[in-house]
Amino acid sequence: MSEDRQPGVPSLRVGLRRAVVFTLLATVLSGVLLCGMLALLPSVTSPSDPSGSSMSLGYLLAMTTVAMFLSGVFGGCLYNLRGLIKHSTDDDYEVRYNLSYYLRPVSGGVSGVIVFFLLLGGAMTLNVGSGKAEAVWSTLLGRMPYVAFSLLAGYGSNEFMAKLKDLAESLFALKKKE
């Protein structure tokens, strides 16, 4: 039995296999890197600590942002796994889905960083810590809620981006509402 294929277009099995391999590698790599980052990131006891410099807090923020990106990538990969399982079980996978499987981890990572900064900036609220004006994200335990939200934003990156569009339209709309 031969499949009708266009030249240069991978067959269904090859496309599915590539998407599965890519997703598995991205899931393992992002999971290992995320765990490593979280384990190796130092904690700052207090941002006003005289022994800590502002450069170390800036470095910590940059590395925490990378961890949030990896968390979003991991969430996007989990969504990919769910989709691959569903489409292979239903036997309705199509090669045209490949691009979304390759780009979703990147979209998830960006969504994870955006939700981190929305939470950090106060646009979204997250009640963690003792209520003091400290950088709660600068401790391992304080980072966990941000990791969870970044993972969720990565998992639902399509929905997250749609909500961001709605938020931007309502905040920066130039046209009058009728």
C-alpha atoms as a PDB file:
ATOM      1  CA  MET A   1       0.000   0.000   0.000  1.00  0.00           C
ATOM      2  CA  SER A   2       1.590   3.310  -1.015  1.00  0.00           C
ATOM      3  CA  GLU A   3       0.688   6.698   0.398  1.00  0.00           C
ATOM      4  CA  ASP A   4      -0.008   9.669  -1.841  1.00  0.00           C
ATOM      5  CA  ARG A   5       2.726  12.117  -0.901  1.00  0.00           C
ATOM      6  CA  GLN A   6       4.047  15.325  -2.228  1.00  0.00           C
ATOM      7  CA  PRO A   7       7.793  15.519  -2.778  1.00  0.00           C
ATOM      8  CA  GLY A   8       9.580  17.054   0.184  1.00  0.00           C
ATOM      9  CA  VAL A   9       6.667  16.445   2.585  1.00  0.00           C
ATOM     10  CA  PRO A  10       7.412  13.808   5.223  1.00  0.00           C
ATOM     11  CA  SER A  11       5.070  10.861   5.501  1.00  0.00           C
ATOM     12  CA  LEU A  12       2.618  10.664   8.355  1.00  0.00           C
ATOM     13  CA  ARG A  13       4.667   8.131  10.300  1.00  0.00           C
ATOM     14  CA  VAL A  14       7.899  10.065   9.861  1.00  0.00           C
ATOM     15  CA  GLY A  15       6.220  13.333  10.898  1.00  0.00           C
ATOM     16  CA  LEU A  16       4.683  11.740  13.977  1.00  0.00           C
ATOM     17  CA  ARG A  17       7.951  10.058  14.890  1.00  0.00           C
ATOM     18  CA  ARG A  18       9.864  13.340  14.588  1.00  0.00           C
ATOM     19  CA  ALA A  19       7.301  15.174  16.720  1.00  0.00           C
ATOM     20  CA  VAL A  20       7.456  12.439  19.383  1.00  0.00           C
ATOM     21  CA  VAL A  21      11.260  12.386  19.473  1.00  0.00           C
ATOM     22  CA  PHE A  22      11.462  16.173  19.576  1.00  0.00           C
ATOM     23  CA  THR A  23       8.867  16.403  22.338  1.00  0.00           C
ATOM     24  CA  LEU A  24      10.487  13.696  24.457  1.00  0.00           C
ATOM     25  CA  LEU A  25      13.943  15.261  24.119  1.00  0.00           C
ATOM     26  CA  ALA A  26      12.612  18.741  24.893  1.00  0.00           C
ATOM     27  CA  THR A  27      10.663  17.428  27.894  1.00  0.00           C
ATOM     28  CA  VAL A  28      13.641  15.614  29.397  1.00  0.00           C
ATOM     29  CA  LEU A  29      16.077  18.441  28.661  1.00  0.00           C
ATOM     30  CA  SER A  30      13.843  21.193  30.033  1.00  0.00           C
ATOM     31  CA  GLY A  31      12.936  19.110  33.095  1.00  0.00           C
ATOM     32  CA  VAL A  32      16.566  18.324  33.921  1.00  0.00           C
ATOM     33  CA  LEU A  33      17.690  21.915  33.342  1.00  0.00           C
ATOM     34  CA  LEU A  34      14.805  23.278  35.415  1.00  0.00           C
ATOM     35  CA  CYS A  35      15.562  20.972  38.339  1.00  0.00           C
ATOM     36  CA  GLY A  36      19.248  21.831  38.082  1.00  0.00           C
ATOM     37  CA  MET A  37      18.553  25.559  38.001  1.00  0.00           C
ATOM     38  CA  LEU A  38      16.217  25.379  40.982  1.00  0.00           C
ATOM     39  CA  ALA A  39      18.709  23.276  42.942  1.00  0.00           C
ATOM     40  CA  LEU A  40      21.684  25.492  42.147  1.00  0.00           C
ATOM     41  CA  LEU A  41      20.088  28.938  42.393  1.00  0.00           C
ATOM     42  CA  PRO A  42      21.208  30.600  45.600  1.00  0.00           C
ATOM     43  CA  SER A  43      18.713  32.104  48.007  1.00  0.00           C
ATOM     44  CA  VAL A  44      18.934  35.641  49.287  1.00  0.00           C
ATOM     45  CA  THR A  45      17.730  35.947  52.851  1.00  0.00           C
ATOM     46  CA  SER A  46      16.744  39.584  52.409  1.00  0.00           C
ATOM     47  CA  PRO A  47      17.141  41.996  49.520  1.00  0.00           C
ATOM     48  CA  SER A  48      18.199  44.680  52.002  1.00  0.00           C
ATOM     49  CA  ASP A  49      20.946  42.424  53.370  1.00  0.00           C
ATOM     50  CA  PRO A  50      24.141  44.542  53.455  1.00  0.00           C
ATOM     51  CA  SER A  51      26.331  41.530  52.696  1.00  0.00           C
ATOM     52  CA  GLY A  52      24.521  40.933  49.392  1.00  0.00           C
ATOM     53  CA  SER A  53      25.144  43.316  46.509  1.00  0.00           C
ATOM     54  CA  SER A  54      22.597  44.583  44.030  1.00  0.00           C
ATOM     55  CA  MET A  55      24.551  42.764  41.344  1.00  0.00           C
ATOM     56  CA  SER A  56      23.914  39.433  43.044  1.00  0.00           C
ATOM     57  CA  LEU A  57      20.185  40.238  43.230  1.00  0.00           C
ATOM     58  CA  GLY A  58      20.216  41.166  39.533  1.00  0.00           C
ATOM     59  CA  TYR A  59      22.013  37.918  38.715  1.00  0.00           C
ATOM     60  CA  LEU A  60      19.489  36.014  40.807  1.00  0.00           C
ATOM     61  CA  LEU A  61      16.600  37.703  38.974  1.00  0.00           C
ATOM     62  CA  ALA A  62      18.137  36.837  35.598  1.00  0.00           C
ATOM     63  CA  MET A  63      18.675  33.193  36.561  1.00  0.00           C
ATOM     64  CA  THR A  64      15.189  32.968  38.080  1.00  0.00           C
ATOM     65  CA  THR A  65      13.809  34.320  34.806  1.00  0.00           C
ATOM     66  CA  VAL A  66      15.661  31.560  32.954  1.00  0.00           C
ATOM     67  CA  ALA A  67      14.140  29.044  35.385  1.00  0.00           C
ATOM     68  CA  MET A  68      10.666  30.449  34.658  1.00  0.00           C
ATOM     69  CA  PHE A  69      11.344  30.118  30.924  1.00  0.00           C
ATOM     70  CA  LEU A  70      12.351  26.480  31.434  1.00  0.00           C
ATOM     71  CA  SER A  71       9.252  25.918  33.541  1.00  0.00           C
ATOM     72  CA  GLY A  72       7.082  27.275  30.735  1.00  0.00           C
ATOM     73  CA  VAL A  73       8.944  25.117  28.194  1.00  0.00           C
ATOM     74  CA  PHE A  74       8.310  22.083  30.381  1.00  0.00           C
ATOM     75  CA  GLY A  75       4.601  22.967  30.558  1.00  0.00           C
ATOM     76  CA  GLY A  76       4.458  23.341  26.769  1.00  0.00           C
ATOM     77  CA  CYS A  77       6.133  19.944  26.385  1.00  0.00           C
ATOM     78  CA  LEU A  78       3.580  18.358  28.711  1.00  0.00           C
ATOM     79  CA  TYR A  79       0.810  19.777  26.532  1.00  0.00           C
ATOM     80  CA  ASN A  80       2.583  18.356  23.471  1.00  0.00           C
ATOM     81  CA  LEU A  81       2.725  14.917  25.086  1.00  0.00           C
ATOM     82  CA  ARG A  82      -0.986  15.090  25.815  1.00  0.00           C
ATOM     83  CA  GLY A  83      -1.710  16.032  22.202  1.00  0.00           C
ATOM     84  CA  LEU A  84       0.551  13.340  20.759  1.00  0.00           C
ATOM     85  CA  ILE A  85      -1.080  10.683  22.910  1.00  0.00           C
ATOM     86  CA  LYS A  86      -4.548  11.892  21.927  1.00  0.00           C
ATOM     87  CA  HIS A  87      -3.838  12.091  18.188  1.00  0.00           C
ATOM     88  CA  SER A  88      -2.006   8.775  18.039  1.00  0.00           C
ATOM     89  CA  THR A  89      -4.765   7.071  20.030  1.00  0.00           C
ATOM     90  CA  ASP A  90      -7.500   8.578  17.845  1.00  0.00           C
ATOM     91  CA  ASP A  91      -5.359   7.867  14.750  1.00  0.00           C
ATOM     92  CA  ASP A  92      -6.021  11.365  13.410  1.00  0.00           C
ATOM     93  CA  TYR A  93      -2.506  12.841  13.473  1.00  0.00           C
ATOM     94  CA  GLU A  94      -1.637  15.031  10.494  1.00  0.00           C
ATOM     95  CA  VAL A  95       1.771  16.284   9.390  1.00  0.00           C
ATOM     96  CA  ARG A  96       0.473  19.860   9.396  1.00  0.00           C
ATOM     97  CA  TYR A  97       0.445  19.666  13.228  1.00  0.00           C
ATOM     98  CA  ASN A  98       4.243  19.398  13.350  1.00  0.00           C
ATOM     99  CA  LEU A  99       4.962  23.116  13.428  1.00  0.00           C
ATOM    100  CA  SER A 100       2.764  23.617  16.470  1.00  0.00           C
ATOM    101  CA  TYR A 101       4.572  20.783  18.255  1.00  0.00           C
ATOM    102  CA  TYR A 102       7.939  22.383  17.496  1.00  0.00           C
ATOM    103  CA  LEU A 103       6.912  25.911  18.479  1.00  0.00           C
ATOM    104  CA  ARG A 104       4.754  25.201  21.548  1.00  0.00           C
ATOM    105  CA  PRO A 105       7.741  24.781  23.922  1.00  0.00           C
ATOM    106  CA  VAL A 106       9.046  28.205  22.860  1.00  0.00           C
ATOM    107  CA  SER A 107       5.596  29.738  23.233  1.00  0.00           C
ATOM    108  CA  GLY A 108       5.294  28.056  26.620  1.00  0.00           C
ATOM    109  CA  GLY A 109       8.656  29.418  27.730  1.00  0.00           C
ATOM    110  CA  VAL A 110       7.727  32.960  26.738  1.00  0.00           C
ATOM    111  CA  SER A 111       4.367  32.573  28.501  1.00  0.00           C
ATOM    112  CA  GLY A 112       6.171  31.375  31.626  1.00  0.00           C
ATOM    113  CA  VAL A 113       8.394  34.470  31.676  1.00  0.00           C
ATOM    114  CA  ILE A 114       5.444  36.796  31.042  1.00  0.00           C
ATOM    115  CA  VAL A 115       3.383  35.330  33.881  1.00  0.00           C
ATOM    116  CA  PHE A 116       6.416  35.569  36.197  1.00  0.00           C
ATOM    117  CA  PHE A 117       6.790  39.276  35.477  1.00  0.00           C
ATOM    118  CA  LEU A 118       3.039  39.868  35.722  1.00  0.00           C
ATOM    119  CA  LEU A 119       3.096  38.283  39.169  1.00  0.00           C
ATOM    120  CA  LEU A 120       6.321  40.010  40.165  1.00  0.00           C
ATOM    121  CA  GLY A 121       5.082  43.402  38.989  1.00  0.00           C
ATOM    122  CA  GLY A 122       1.763  43.076  40.782  1.00  0.00           C
ATOM    123  CA  ALA A 123      -0.488  42.933  37.707  1.00  0.00           C
ATOM    124  CA  MET A 124      -1.540  39.542  39.020  1.00  0.00           C
ATOM    125  CA  THR A 125      -1.463  38.815  42.722  1.00  0.00           C
ATOM    126  CA  LEU A 126       0.085  35.892  44.491  1.00  0.00           C
ATOM    127  CA  ASN A 127      -0.165  35.727  48.264  1.00  0.00           C
ATOM    128  CA  VAL A 128       3.061  34.123  49.376  1.00  0.00           C
ATOM    129  CA  GLY A 129       5.455  34.968  52.136  1.00  0.00           C
ATOM    130  CA  SER A 130       4.895  36.678  55.401  1.00  0.00           C
ATOM    131  CA  GLY A 131       3.447  39.887  53.989  1.00  0.00           C
ATOM    132  CA  LYS A 132       6.748  41.747  54.257  1.00  0.00           C
ATOM    133  CA  ALA A 133       7.998  43.738  51.307  1.00  0.00           C
ATOM    134  CA  GLU A 134      10.665  41.176  50.466  1.00  0.00           C
ATOM    135  CA  ALA A 135      11.612  39.542  47.220  1.00  0.00           C
ATOM    136  CA  VAL A 136       9.855  36.261  47.972  1.00  0.00           C
ATOM    137  CA  TRP A 137      11.017  34.843  44.630  1.00  0.00           C
ATOM    138  CA  SER A 138      14.618  35.015  45.878  1.00  0.00           C
ATOM    139  CA  THR A 139      14.252  31.865  48.009  1.00  0.00           C
ATOM    140  CA  LEU A 140      13.740  28.311  46.817  1.00  0.00           C
ATOM    141  CA  LEU A 141      10.429  27.901  48.625  1.00  0.00           C
ATOM    142  CA  GLY A 142       9.274  31.341  47.459  1.00  0.00           C
ATOM    143  CA  ARG A 143      10.006  30.433  43.819  1.00  0.00           C
ATOM    144  CA  MET A 144       7.741  27.382  43.806  1.00  0.00           C
ATOM    145  CA  PRO A 145       4.424  29.238  43.248  1.00  0.00           C
ATOM    146  CA  TYR A 146       6.049  31.171  40.397  1.00  0.00           C
ATOM    147  CA  VAL A 147       7.318  27.909  38.897  1.00  0.00           C
ATOM    148  CA  ALA A 148       3.814  26.442  39.160  1.00  0.00           C
ATOM    149  CA  PHE A 149       2.216  29.448  37.448  1.00  0.00           C
ATOM    150  CA  SER A 150       4.904  29.464  34.748  1.00  0.00           C
ATOM    151  CA  LEU A 151       4.345  25.762  34.134  1.00  0.00           C
ATOM    152  CA  LEU A 152       0.593  26.321  33.870  1.00  0.00           C
ATOM    153  CA  ALA A 153       1.081  29.290  31.544  1.00  0.00           C
ATOM    154  CA  GLY A 154       3.334  27.116  29.380  1.00  0.00           C
ATOM    155  CA  TYR A 155       0.834  24.272  29.372  1.00  0.00           C
ATOM    156  CA  GLY A 156      -1.989  26.575  28.330  1.00  0.00           C
ATOM    157  CA  SER A 157       0.139  28.953  26.253  1.00  0.00           C
ATOM    158  CA  ASN A 158      -2.497  29.295  23.500  1.00  0.00           C
ATOM    159  CA  GLU A 159      -5.173  30.252  26.015  1.00  0.00           C
ATOM    160  CA  PHE A 160      -2.713  32.414  27.955  1.00  0.00           C
ATOM    161  CA  MET A 161      -1.755  34.362  24.833  1.00  0.00           C
ATOM    162  CA  ALA A 162      -5.453  34.845  23.973  1.00  0.00           C
ATOM    163  CA  LYS A 163      -6.087  36.271  27.466  1.00  0.00           C
ATOM    164  CA  LEU A 164      -3.063  38.556  27.103  1.00  0.00           C
ATOM    165  CA  LYS A 165      -4.515  39.841  23.845  1.00  0.00           C
ATOM    166  CA  ASP A 166      -7.853  40.507  25.573  1.00  0.00           C
ATOM    167  CA  LEU A 167      -6.040  42.292  28.417  1.00  0.00           C
ATOM    168  CA  ALA A 168      -4.012  44.413  26.017  1.00  0.00           C
ATOM    169  CA  GLU A 169      -7.103  45.326  24.026  1.00  0.00           C
ATOM    170  CA  SER A 170      -8.992  46.383  27.134  1.00  0.00           C
ATOM    171  CA  LEU A 171      -6.051  48.348  28.568  1.00  0.00           C
ATOM    172  CA  PHE A 172      -4.838  50.020  25.403  1.00  0.00           C
ATOM    173  CA  ALA A 173      -7.965  50.140  23.250  1.00  0.00           C
ATOM    174  CA  LEU A 174      -8.209  53.235  21.106  1.00  0.00           C
ATOM    175  CA  LYS A 175     -11.662  52.623  19.766  1.00  0.00           C
ATOM    176  CA  LYS A 176     -14.757  53.505  21.755  1.00  0.00           C
ATOM    177  CA  LYS A 177     -16.895  50.699  23.085  1.00  0.00           C
ATOM    178  CA  GLU A 178     -20.481  50.722  21.947  1.00  0.00           C
END
